[in-house]
N, C-alpha and C. Protein backbone atom coordinates (compact mmCIF):
# COMPACT_ATOMS: atom_id res chain seq x y z
N MET A 1 -24.14 13.05 -6.92
CA MET A 1 -22.89 13.79 -6.93
C MET A 1 -22.67 14.31 -8.35
N THR A 2 -22.27 15.56 -8.45
CA THR A 2 -22.10 16.18 -9.76
C THR A 2 -20.82 15.70 -10.42
N LYS A 3 -20.76 15.90 -11.73
CA LYS A 3 -19.57 15.48 -12.48
C LYS A 3 -18.34 16.27 -12.00
N ASP A 4 -18.52 17.54 -11.66
CA ASP A 4 -17.40 18.35 -11.19
C ASP A 4 -16.83 17.80 -9.88
N LYS A 5 -17.70 17.36 -8.97
CA LYS A 5 -17.24 16.79 -7.71
C LYS A 5 -16.50 15.48 -7.95
N LEU A 6 -17.01 14.67 -8.89
CA LEU A 6 -16.34 13.42 -9.22
C LEU A 6 -14.96 13.67 -9.83
N ILE A 7 -14.88 14.70 -10.70
CA ILE A 7 -13.59 15.04 -11.30
C ILE A 7 -12.62 15.51 -10.22
N TYR A 8 -13.11 16.28 -9.25
CA TYR A 8 -12.27 16.74 -8.15
C TYR A 8 -11.76 15.55 -7.33
N MET A 9 -12.65 14.59 -7.03
CA MET A 9 -12.25 13.40 -6.29
C MET A 9 -11.21 12.60 -7.07
N ALA A 10 -11.43 12.46 -8.38
CA ALA A 10 -10.49 11.71 -9.21
C ALA A 10 -9.12 12.39 -9.20
N THR A 11 -9.10 13.69 -9.21
CA THR A 11 -7.84 14.43 -9.19
C THR A 11 -7.12 14.22 -7.86
N ILE A 12 -7.85 14.29 -6.76
CA ILE A 12 -7.26 14.10 -5.43
C ILE A 12 -6.69 12.69 -5.30
N LEU A 13 -7.40 11.69 -5.78
CA LEU A 13 -6.98 10.30 -5.65
C LEU A 13 -5.96 9.88 -6.72
N GLY A 14 -5.70 10.75 -7.67
CA GLY A 14 -4.74 10.41 -8.72
C GLY A 14 -5.29 9.44 -9.74
N VAL A 15 -6.61 9.45 -9.94
CA VAL A 15 -7.25 8.56 -10.90
C VAL A 15 -7.25 9.23 -12.27
N GLY A 16 -6.74 8.52 -13.27
CA GLY A 16 -6.74 9.06 -14.62
C GLY A 16 -8.14 9.01 -15.24
N TYR A 17 -8.51 10.04 -15.96
CA TYR A 17 -9.82 10.10 -16.62
C TYR A 17 -9.73 11.05 -17.81
N TYR A 18 -10.74 10.97 -18.67
CA TYR A 18 -10.84 11.89 -19.79
C TYR A 18 -12.05 12.79 -19.56
N LYS A 19 -11.93 14.03 -19.99
CA LYS A 19 -13.04 14.99 -19.80
C LYS A 19 -14.31 14.52 -20.51
N SER A 20 -14.15 13.71 -21.56
CA SER A 20 -15.31 13.25 -22.32
C SER A 20 -16.05 12.11 -21.62
N TRP A 21 -15.47 11.55 -20.57
CA TRP A 21 -16.12 10.45 -19.87
C TRP A 21 -17.41 10.92 -19.21
N THR A 22 -18.35 9.99 -19.13
CA THR A 22 -19.61 10.29 -18.45
C THR A 22 -19.40 10.22 -16.94
N LYS A 23 -20.38 10.73 -16.23
CA LYS A 23 -20.33 10.72 -14.77
C LYS A 23 -20.17 9.30 -14.23
N GLY A 24 -20.91 8.35 -14.81
CA GLY A 24 -20.86 6.96 -14.35
C GLY A 24 -19.50 6.32 -14.58
N ARG A 25 -18.87 6.65 -15.69
CA ARG A 25 -17.56 6.06 -15.99
C ARG A 25 -16.49 6.61 -15.04
N ILE A 26 -16.56 7.92 -14.73
CA ILE A 26 -15.61 8.51 -13.78
C ILE A 26 -15.81 7.87 -12.41
N LYS A 27 -17.09 7.69 -12.02
CA LYS A 27 -17.39 7.07 -10.72
C LYS A 27 -16.83 5.65 -10.66
N ASP A 28 -16.98 4.88 -11.74
CA ASP A 28 -16.45 3.52 -11.78
C ASP A 28 -14.92 3.52 -11.66
N ALA A 29 -14.26 4.46 -12.32
CA ALA A 29 -12.80 4.55 -12.24
C ALA A 29 -12.36 4.87 -10.81
N ILE A 30 -13.08 5.77 -10.15
CA ILE A 30 -12.77 6.12 -8.76
C ILE A 30 -12.98 4.91 -7.86
N ASP A 31 -14.11 4.21 -8.04
CA ASP A 31 -14.40 3.03 -7.22
C ASP A 31 -13.35 1.94 -7.41
N ASN A 32 -12.93 1.73 -8.65
CA ASN A 32 -11.89 0.72 -8.92
C ASN A 32 -10.57 1.11 -8.26
N SER A 33 -10.24 2.39 -8.34
CA SER A 33 -8.99 2.85 -7.73
C SER A 33 -9.05 2.72 -6.21
N LEU A 34 -10.18 3.10 -5.61
CA LEU A 34 -10.34 2.96 -4.16
C LEU A 34 -10.25 1.50 -3.73
N SER A 35 -10.88 0.62 -4.50
CA SER A 35 -10.84 -0.80 -4.19
C SER A 35 -9.41 -1.33 -4.25
N TYR A 36 -8.66 -0.94 -5.29
CA TYR A 36 -7.27 -1.37 -5.40
C TYR A 36 -6.46 -0.86 -4.21
N MET A 37 -6.61 0.41 -3.87
CA MET A 37 -5.84 0.99 -2.76
C MET A 37 -6.16 0.29 -1.45
N GLN A 38 -7.43 0.04 -1.19
CA GLN A 38 -7.82 -0.62 0.06
C GLN A 38 -7.27 -2.04 0.12
N THR A 39 -7.32 -2.77 -0.99
CA THR A 39 -6.79 -4.12 -1.03
C THR A 39 -5.28 -4.12 -0.81
N ALA A 40 -4.58 -3.21 -1.45
CA ALA A 40 -3.13 -3.12 -1.32
C ALA A 40 -2.73 -2.76 0.11
N ILE A 41 -3.42 -1.80 0.70
CA ILE A 41 -3.10 -1.36 2.05
C ILE A 41 -3.38 -2.48 3.05
N THR A 42 -4.50 -3.18 2.88
CA THR A 42 -4.83 -4.30 3.76
C THR A 42 -3.76 -5.39 3.67
N TYR A 43 -3.31 -5.69 2.45
CA TYR A 43 -2.24 -6.68 2.27
C TYR A 43 -0.97 -6.24 2.98
N ASP A 44 -0.60 -4.96 2.84
CA ASP A 44 0.61 -4.45 3.48
C ASP A 44 0.53 -4.53 5.00
N ILE A 45 -0.62 -4.22 5.56
CA ILE A 45 -0.79 -4.29 7.02
C ILE A 45 -0.64 -5.73 7.49
N LYS A 46 -1.31 -6.67 6.80
CA LYS A 46 -1.21 -8.09 7.18
C LYS A 46 0.22 -8.60 7.02
N HIS A 47 0.87 -8.20 5.94
CA HIS A 47 2.26 -8.60 5.71
C HIS A 47 3.14 -8.09 6.84
N HIS A 48 2.97 -6.85 7.22
CA HIS A 48 3.78 -6.26 8.29
C HIS A 48 3.54 -6.97 9.62
N GLU A 49 2.27 -7.23 9.94
CA GLU A 49 1.97 -7.89 11.21
C GLU A 49 2.53 -9.31 11.25
N LYS A 50 2.48 -10.02 10.12
CA LYS A 50 3.03 -11.38 10.07
C LYS A 50 4.55 -11.35 10.19
N GLN A 51 5.19 -10.46 9.45
CA GLN A 51 6.64 -10.41 9.43
C GLN A 51 7.24 -9.83 10.72
N SER A 52 6.46 -9.10 11.48
CA SER A 52 6.97 -8.48 12.71
C SER A 52 7.45 -9.52 13.72
N GLY A 53 6.90 -10.70 13.68
CA GLY A 53 7.32 -11.77 14.59
C GLY A 53 8.44 -12.62 14.03
N ALA A 54 9.09 -12.15 12.98
CA ALA A 54 10.06 -12.96 12.25
C ALA A 54 11.38 -13.17 12.97
N TYR A 55 11.63 -12.44 14.03
CA TYR A 55 12.91 -12.55 14.72
C TYR A 55 13.20 -13.99 15.16
N PHE A 56 12.17 -14.71 15.53
CA PHE A 56 12.35 -16.07 16.03
C PHE A 56 12.21 -17.14 14.95
N TRP A 57 12.04 -16.73 13.70
CA TRP A 57 11.89 -17.70 12.63
C TRP A 57 13.25 -18.26 12.23
N ARG A 58 13.23 -19.45 11.67
CA ARG A 58 14.45 -20.08 11.18
C ARG A 58 14.49 -19.89 9.66
N PRO A 59 15.61 -19.42 9.13
CA PRO A 59 15.71 -19.21 7.68
C PRO A 59 15.89 -20.53 6.94
N PRO A 60 15.65 -20.54 5.64
CA PRO A 60 15.88 -21.76 4.85
C PRO A 60 17.33 -22.20 4.93
N SER A 61 17.56 -23.47 4.68
CA SER A 61 18.91 -24.02 4.87
C SER A 61 19.86 -23.74 3.70
N THR A 62 19.35 -23.61 2.48
CA THR A 62 20.25 -23.37 1.34
C THR A 62 20.30 -21.89 0.99
N ALA A 63 21.40 -21.49 0.43
CA ALA A 63 21.58 -20.09 0.05
C ALA A 63 20.57 -19.68 -1.02
N ALA A 64 20.32 -20.56 -1.97
CA ALA A 64 19.36 -20.25 -3.04
C ALA A 64 17.96 -20.03 -2.46
N ALA A 65 17.57 -20.85 -1.50
CA ALA A 65 16.25 -20.70 -0.88
C ALA A 65 16.17 -19.40 -0.07
N ARG A 66 17.27 -19.04 0.58
CA ARG A 66 17.29 -17.78 1.34
C ARG A 66 17.14 -16.59 0.40
N ARG A 67 17.87 -16.60 -0.74
CA ARG A 67 17.78 -15.49 -1.69
C ARG A 67 16.38 -15.40 -2.30
N LYS A 68 15.76 -16.55 -2.56
CA LYS A 68 14.40 -16.56 -3.10
C LYS A 68 13.41 -15.99 -2.08
N LEU A 69 13.55 -16.37 -0.82
CA LEU A 69 12.68 -15.85 0.23
C LEU A 69 12.84 -14.34 0.36
N GLU A 70 14.08 -13.86 0.31
CA GLU A 70 14.33 -12.42 0.37
C GLU A 70 13.66 -11.70 -0.80
N ALA A 71 13.81 -12.26 -2.00
CA ALA A 71 13.23 -11.64 -3.19
C ALA A 71 11.70 -11.63 -3.14
N ASP A 72 11.11 -12.71 -2.61
CA ASP A 72 9.66 -12.81 -2.55
C ASP A 72 9.04 -11.87 -1.52
N ARG A 73 9.74 -11.62 -0.42
CA ARG A 73 9.15 -10.85 0.68
C ARG A 73 9.69 -9.43 0.80
N THR A 74 10.56 -9.01 -0.09
CA THR A 74 11.06 -7.65 -0.10
C THR A 74 10.38 -6.90 -1.23
N TYR A 75 9.68 -5.83 -0.89
CA TYR A 75 9.01 -5.01 -1.90
C TYR A 75 8.72 -3.63 -1.32
N ALA A 76 8.29 -2.74 -2.19
CA ALA A 76 7.91 -1.39 -1.77
C ALA A 76 6.64 -1.00 -2.50
N ARG A 77 5.80 -0.22 -1.83
CA ARG A 77 4.57 0.28 -2.45
C ARG A 77 4.48 1.77 -2.19
N THR A 78 4.14 2.52 -3.23
CA THR A 78 3.99 3.97 -3.11
C THR A 78 2.60 4.35 -3.60
N LEU A 79 1.89 5.11 -2.79
CA LEU A 79 0.57 5.64 -3.16
C LEU A 79 0.61 7.16 -3.03
N THR A 80 0.07 7.85 -4.02
CA THR A 80 -0.03 9.30 -3.96
C THR A 80 -1.50 9.66 -3.85
N ILE A 81 -1.85 10.28 -2.73
CA ILE A 81 -3.24 10.65 -2.48
C ILE A 81 -3.27 12.08 -1.98
N GLY A 82 -3.99 12.93 -2.68
CA GLY A 82 -4.16 14.31 -2.25
C GLY A 82 -2.86 15.08 -2.10
N GLY A 83 -1.89 14.79 -2.94
CA GLY A 83 -0.61 15.49 -2.89
C GLY A 83 0.36 14.92 -1.88
N ASN A 84 -0.06 13.95 -1.09
CA ASN A 84 0.83 13.28 -0.13
C ASN A 84 1.32 11.97 -0.72
N VAL A 85 2.59 11.68 -0.49
CA VAL A 85 3.18 10.44 -0.98
C VAL A 85 3.33 9.48 0.20
N TYR A 86 2.57 8.39 0.16
CA TYR A 86 2.62 7.36 1.19
C TYR A 86 3.48 6.21 0.65
N ARG A 87 4.39 5.71 1.48
CA ARG A 87 5.27 4.63 1.02
C ARG A 87 5.45 3.60 2.13
N TYR A 88 5.37 2.33 1.72
CA TYR A 88 5.66 1.21 2.62
C TYR A 88 6.77 0.41 1.98
N GLU A 89 7.79 0.13 2.76
CA GLU A 89 8.91 -0.65 2.25
C GLU A 89 9.17 -1.82 3.19
N SER A 90 9.11 -3.02 2.65
CA SER A 90 9.36 -4.24 3.39
C SER A 90 10.70 -4.81 2.95
N THR A 91 11.60 -5.01 3.90
CA THR A 91 12.91 -5.55 3.59
C THR A 91 13.14 -6.79 4.44
N VAL A 92 13.41 -7.90 3.77
CA VAL A 92 13.70 -9.17 4.45
C VAL A 92 15.10 -9.60 4.06
N THR A 93 15.90 -9.93 5.06
CA THR A 93 17.23 -10.48 4.81
C THR A 93 17.41 -11.72 5.67
N CYS A 94 18.13 -12.67 5.11
CA CYS A 94 18.39 -13.93 5.83
C CYS A 94 19.88 -14.21 5.83
N SER A 95 20.37 -14.56 6.98
CA SER A 95 21.74 -15.09 7.07
C SER A 95 21.60 -16.60 7.27
N CYS A 96 22.69 -17.26 7.53
CA CYS A 96 22.63 -18.71 7.74
C CYS A 96 21.80 -19.07 8.97
N LYS A 97 21.83 -18.23 9.98
CA LYS A 97 21.17 -18.56 11.24
C LYS A 97 20.03 -17.62 11.62
N ASN A 98 19.92 -16.46 10.96
CA ASN A 98 18.94 -15.46 11.39
C ASN A 98 18.07 -14.96 10.24
N TYR A 99 16.87 -14.54 10.62
CA TYR A 99 15.88 -14.00 9.69
C TYR A 99 15.58 -12.58 10.17
N TYR A 100 15.74 -11.60 9.30
CA TYR A 100 15.53 -10.21 9.70
C TYR A 100 14.46 -9.56 8.83
N TYR A 101 13.60 -8.78 9.46
CA TYR A 101 12.56 -8.04 8.76
C TYR A 101 12.64 -6.58 9.17
N ARG A 102 12.46 -5.70 8.20
CA ARG A 102 12.39 -4.27 8.48
C ARG A 102 11.26 -3.70 7.65
N GLY A 103 10.26 -3.12 8.31
CA GLY A 103 9.15 -2.48 7.64
C GLY A 103 9.18 -0.99 7.91
N GLU A 104 9.09 -0.20 6.86
CA GLU A 104 9.17 1.24 7.01
C GLU A 104 7.98 1.91 6.34
N PHE A 105 7.26 2.71 7.11
CA PHE A 105 6.12 3.46 6.62
C PHE A 105 6.51 4.93 6.60
N THR A 106 6.27 5.61 5.48
CA THR A 106 6.59 7.04 5.41
C THR A 106 5.47 7.81 4.74
N ILE A 107 5.37 9.08 5.10
CA ILE A 107 4.50 10.02 4.42
C ILE A 107 5.35 11.23 4.07
N ASN A 108 5.47 11.49 2.78
CA ASN A 108 6.31 12.58 2.27
C ASN A 108 7.74 12.48 2.81
N GLY A 109 8.25 11.27 2.92
CA GLY A 109 9.62 11.04 3.37
C GLY A 109 9.81 11.03 4.88
N GLU A 110 8.77 11.32 5.65
CA GLU A 110 8.84 11.33 7.11
C GLU A 110 8.44 9.95 7.65
N LYS A 111 9.32 9.35 8.46
CA LYS A 111 9.05 8.00 8.97
C LYS A 111 7.91 8.00 9.97
N ARG A 112 7.06 6.99 9.85
CA ARG A 112 5.95 6.76 10.77
C ARG A 112 5.87 5.28 11.07
N ASP A 113 4.84 4.87 11.82
CA ASP A 113 4.67 3.44 12.08
C ASP A 113 3.41 2.94 11.37
N VAL A 114 3.02 1.70 11.65
CA VAL A 114 1.93 1.05 10.93
C VAL A 114 0.60 1.80 11.11
N ARG A 115 0.48 2.60 12.15
CA ARG A 115 -0.77 3.36 12.35
C ARG A 115 -1.08 4.28 11.18
N LEU A 116 -0.04 4.75 10.49
CA LEU A 116 -0.24 5.60 9.31
C LEU A 116 -1.04 4.85 8.25
N TRP A 117 -0.65 3.61 7.98
CA TRP A 117 -1.33 2.81 6.96
C TRP A 117 -2.76 2.46 7.42
N LYS A 118 -2.93 2.17 8.70
CA LYS A 118 -4.26 1.86 9.22
C LYS A 118 -5.18 3.06 9.14
N LYS A 119 -4.66 4.25 9.44
CA LYS A 119 -5.45 5.48 9.34
C LYS A 119 -5.82 5.75 7.88
N LEU A 120 -4.87 5.53 6.98
CA LEU A 120 -5.13 5.72 5.55
C LEU A 120 -6.23 4.77 5.08
N LEU A 121 -6.18 3.52 5.52
CA LEU A 121 -7.22 2.55 5.17
C LEU A 121 -8.58 3.00 5.69
N HIS A 122 -8.61 3.49 6.93
CA HIS A 122 -9.87 3.97 7.50
C HIS A 122 -10.38 5.19 6.72
N ASP A 123 -9.52 6.11 6.39
CA ASP A 123 -9.93 7.29 5.63
C ASP A 123 -10.47 6.95 4.25
N LEU A 124 -9.81 5.99 3.57
CA LEU A 124 -10.28 5.58 2.25
C LEU A 124 -11.63 4.87 2.33
N SER A 125 -11.88 4.14 3.42
CA SER A 125 -13.15 3.45 3.54
C SER A 125 -14.30 4.43 3.79
N GLN A 126 -13.99 5.65 4.24
CA GLN A 126 -15.02 6.66 4.48
C GLN A 126 -15.44 7.40 3.22
N ILE A 127 -14.65 7.29 2.15
CA ILE A 127 -14.97 8.00 0.92
C ILE A 127 -16.12 7.30 0.21
N LYS A 128 -17.11 8.07 -0.13
CA LYS A 128 -18.28 7.54 -0.85
C LYS A 128 -18.45 8.32 -2.15
N THR A 129 -18.75 7.60 -3.22
CA THR A 129 -18.98 8.26 -4.51
C THR A 129 -20.46 8.23 -4.91
N ALA A 130 -21.30 7.69 -4.06
CA ALA A 130 -22.72 7.59 -4.38
C ALA A 130 -23.32 8.94 -4.39
């Protein structure tokens, strides 16, 4: 793969690089970025699938434990790939008797379901820099 093609891929994936970098260094940066994205997306999918059954879970008994659980399991991740902004937002809230989970997947602000993240993972796994 030529250096120009690698630079194009790096630009599409949002990977930072310097023009003075060698072809191998740009390829390594792209590979590291792809690996990070795949790991993050896989974690988000597993987190969503685990939390989706949370309706029947029992929340912690103390208020401090409930707030800690909410803080630990509420997060958002944003990835920009090819000009598209992908976002996953996990929101966990606990009352005294109930445990609530809300997972939201969006692309450019448009709501989608978990299939968006799974398709993105599949598409990223198809990219080869060899």
